[in-house]
Amino acid sequence: MDDKEKKKRLEETAGMLRVLGHPDRLRILACLMHKKCFVNDLAEKMGLPQSTVSQHLRVMTDRGILIGERHGVKVCYKPASFLAESIARMLLSNCE
C-alpha cells in the first residue's frame, strides 16, 4: 500500500471514529450488529424520536458505516463493513 492509499484509509477510519463518537450512533450500530432493522424499530428500541434516529442513520450511511436495503417504501439498515463492526466492537467492549 502506498502512502497516498494509507493516508486515505487513515482519514476514512478517523471519520468513522468521529461519527461513532456520538453515544446514540454507537448504540444504533450496536443494535444493528445483532439484527438489521427499520427506522421505526430502532426508534422504539432506543426510545428516541424517529426523526432523530433517521438523522443519525443518514450521517452513518453517508460515512459508509451503514447501508440501507430498500423494502418497498421502507429501508432496512445494517452495518456496511467488517471495519465498522470491528471498530464498534472495540469501542463497546468497554461498556459490557
C-alpha atoms as a PDB file:
ATOM      1  CA  MET A   1       0.000   0.000   0.000  1.00  0.00           C
ATOM      2  CA  ASP A   2       1.452   3.343  -0.989  1.00  0.00           C
ATOM      3  CA  ASP A   3       1.462   6.461   1.213  1.00  0.00           C
ATOM      4  CA  LYS A   4      -1.469   8.037  -0.624  1.00  0.00           C
ATOM      5  CA  GLU A   5      -3.664   4.964  -0.085  1.00  0.00           C
ATOM      6  CA  LYS A   6      -2.548   4.681   3.541  1.00  0.00           C
ATOM      7  CA  LYS A   7      -3.439   8.333   4.170  1.00  0.00           C
ATOM      8  CA  LYS A   8      -6.861   7.830   2.562  1.00  0.00           C
ATOM      9  CA  ARG A   9      -7.592   4.805   4.774  1.00  0.00           C
ATOM     10  CA  LEU A  10      -6.462   6.645   7.897  1.00  0.00           C
ATOM     11  CA  GLU A  11      -8.776   9.548   7.050  1.00  0.00           C
ATOM     12  CA  GLU A  12     -11.709   7.155   6.470  1.00  0.00           C
ATOM     13  CA  THR A  13     -11.100   5.406   9.776  1.00  0.00           C
ATOM     14  CA  ALA A  14     -10.775   8.710  11.655  1.00  0.00           C
ATOM     15  CA  GLY A  15     -14.051   9.843  10.057  1.00  0.00           C
ATOM     16  CA  MET A  16     -15.782   6.682  11.286  1.00  0.00           C
ATOM     17  CA  LEU A  17     -14.451   7.305  14.785  1.00  0.00           C
ATOM     18  CA  ARG A  18     -15.755  10.887  14.746  1.00  0.00           C
ATOM     19  CA  VAL A  19     -19.211   9.706  13.724  1.00  0.00           C
ATOM     20  CA  LEU A  20     -19.219   6.888  16.275  1.00  0.00           C
ATOM     21  CA  GLY A  21     -18.145   9.331  18.988  1.00  0.00           C
ATOM     22  CA  HIS A  22     -21.841  10.153  19.476  1.00  0.00           C
ATOM     23  CA  PRO A  23     -23.362   7.738  22.031  1.00  0.00           C
ATOM     24  CA  ASP A  24     -26.672   7.355  20.169  1.00  0.00           C
ATOM     25  CA  ARG A  25     -24.879   6.455  16.932  1.00  0.00           C
ATOM     26  CA  LEU A  26     -22.774   3.895  18.727  1.00  0.00           C
ATOM     27  CA  ARG A  27     -25.942   2.419  20.276  1.00  0.00           C
ATOM     28  CA  ILE A  28     -27.587   2.288  16.848  1.00  0.00           C
ATOM     29  CA  LEU A  29     -24.641   0.407  15.391  1.00  0.00           C
ATOM     30  CA  ALA A  30     -24.620  -1.960  18.374  1.00  0.00           C
ATOM     31  CA  CYS A  31     -28.303  -2.761  17.736  1.00  0.00           C
ATOM     32  CA  LEU A  32     -27.720  -3.283  14.032  1.00  0.00           C
ATOM     33  CA  MET A  33     -24.809  -5.641  14.632  1.00  0.00           C
ATOM     34  CA  HIS A  34     -27.314  -8.080  16.179  1.00  0.00           C
ATOM     35  CA  LYS A  35     -30.200  -7.604  13.759  1.00  0.00           C
ATOM     36  CA  LYS A  36     -30.843  -5.380  10.775  1.00  0.00           C
ATOM     37  CA  CYS A  37     -33.750  -3.015  11.462  1.00  0.00           C
ATOM     38  CA  PHE A  38     -36.069  -0.391  10.047  1.00  0.00           C
ATOM     39  CA  VAL A  39     -36.008   3.188  11.373  1.00  0.00           C
ATOM     40  CA  ASN A  40     -39.229   2.814  13.367  1.00  0.00           C
ATOM     41  CA  ASP A  41     -37.927  -0.361  15.065  1.00  0.00           C
ATOM     42  CA  LEU A  42     -34.709   1.388  16.078  1.00  0.00           C
ATOM     43  CA  ALA A  43     -36.583   4.450  17.326  1.00  0.00           C
ATOM     44  CA  GLU A  44     -38.819   2.297  19.508  1.00  0.00           C
ATOM     45  CA  LYS A  45     -35.929   0.200  20.814  1.00  0.00           C
ATOM     46  CA  MET A  46     -33.854   3.275  21.669  1.00  0.00           C
ATOM     47  CA  GLY A  47     -36.672   5.466  22.971  1.00  0.00           C
ATOM     48  CA  LEU A  48     -35.796   8.283  20.553  1.00  0.00           C
ATOM     49  CA  PRO A  49     -37.957  10.180  18.056  1.00  0.00           C
ATOM     50  CA  GLN A  50     -37.964   8.615  14.605  1.00  0.00           C
ATOM     51  CA  SER A  51     -36.687  11.874  13.083  1.00  0.00           C
ATOM     52  CA  THR A  52     -33.639  11.824  15.375  1.00  0.00           C
ATOM     53  CA  VAL A  53     -32.849   8.209  14.517  1.00  0.00           C
ATOM     54  CA  SER A  54     -33.283   8.990  10.800  1.00  0.00           C
ATOM     55  CA  GLN A  55     -30.775  11.839  11.046  1.00  0.00           C
ATOM     56  CA  HIS A  56     -28.235   9.595  12.777  1.00  0.00           C
ATOM     57  CA  LEU A  57     -28.772   6.876  10.166  1.00  0.00           C
ATOM     58  CA  ARG A  58     -28.183   9.360   7.354  1.00  0.00           C
ATOM     59  CA  VAL A  59     -24.904  10.539   8.891  1.00  0.00           C
ATOM     60  CA  MET A  60     -23.756   6.950   9.374  1.00  0.00           C
ATOM     61  CA  THR A  61     -24.801   5.945   5.859  1.00  0.00           C
ATOM     62  CA  ASP A  62     -23.050   8.957   4.334  1.00  0.00           C
ATOM     63  CA  ARG A  63     -19.842   7.971   6.166  1.00  0.00           C
ATOM     64  CA  GLY A  64     -20.081   4.379   4.913  1.00  0.00           C
ATOM     65  CA  ILE A  65     -20.758   2.828   8.311  1.00  0.00           C
ATOM     66  CA  LEU A  66     -24.232   1.576   7.396  1.00  0.00           C
ATOM     67  CA  ILE A  67     -26.038   0.560   4.245  1.00  0.00           C
ATOM     68  CA  GLY A  68     -29.756   0.624   3.661  1.00  0.00           C
ATOM     69  CA  GLU A  69     -31.709  -2.021   1.781  1.00  0.00           C
ATOM     70  CA  ARG A  70     -34.988  -0.821   0.334  1.00  0.00           C
ATOM     71  CA  HIS A  71     -38.057  -2.960   1.087  1.00  0.00           C
ATOM     72  CA  GLY A  72     -40.918  -1.194  -0.674  1.00  0.00           C
ATOM     73  CA  VAL A  73     -41.159   2.251   0.918  1.00  0.00           C
ATOM     74  CA  LYS A  74     -39.142   1.246   3.994  1.00  0.00           C
ATOM     75  CA  VAL A  75     -35.358   0.982   4.338  1.00  0.00           C
ATOM     76  CA  CYS A  76     -33.736  -1.707   6.452  1.00  0.00           C
ATOM     77  CA  TYR A  77     -30.286  -0.808   7.810  1.00  0.00           C
ATOM     78  CA  LYS A  78     -27.252  -2.965   8.561  1.00  0.00           C
ATOM     79  CA  PRO A  79     -23.506  -2.425   9.087  1.00  0.00           C
ATOM     80  CA  ALA A  80     -21.727  -1.710   5.814  1.00  0.00           C
ATOM     81  CA  SER A  81     -18.413  -3.334   6.539  1.00  0.00           C
ATOM     82  CA  PHE A  82     -16.361  -5.548   8.758  1.00  0.00           C
ATOM     83  CA  LEU A  83     -14.276  -2.469   9.636  1.00  0.00           C
ATOM     84  CA  ALA A  84     -17.314  -0.624  11.026  1.00  0.00           C
ATOM     85  CA  GLU A  85     -18.315  -3.655  13.092  1.00  0.00           C
ATOM     86  CA  SER A  86     -14.751  -4.177  14.344  1.00  0.00           C
ATOM     87  CA  ILE A  87     -14.441  -0.560  15.464  1.00  0.00           C
ATOM     88  CA  ALA A  88     -17.809  -0.745  17.208  1.00  0.00           C
ATOM     89  CA  ARG A  89     -16.912  -3.991  18.988  1.00  0.00           C
ATOM     90  CA  MET A  90     -13.708  -2.446  20.227  1.00  0.00           C
ATOM     91  CA  LEU A  91     -15.479   0.703  21.466  1.00  0.00           C
ATOM     92  CA  LEU A  92     -18.361  -1.249  23.004  1.00  0.00           C
ATOM     93  CA  SER A  93     -16.103  -3.732  24.828  1.00  0.00           C
ATOM     94  CA  ASN A  94     -15.650  -1.061  27.484  1.00  0.00           C
ATOM     95  CA  CYS A  95     -19.433  -0.912  28.058  1.00  0.00           C
ATOM     96  CA  GLU A  96     -20.135  -4.585  28.751  1.00  0.00           C
END
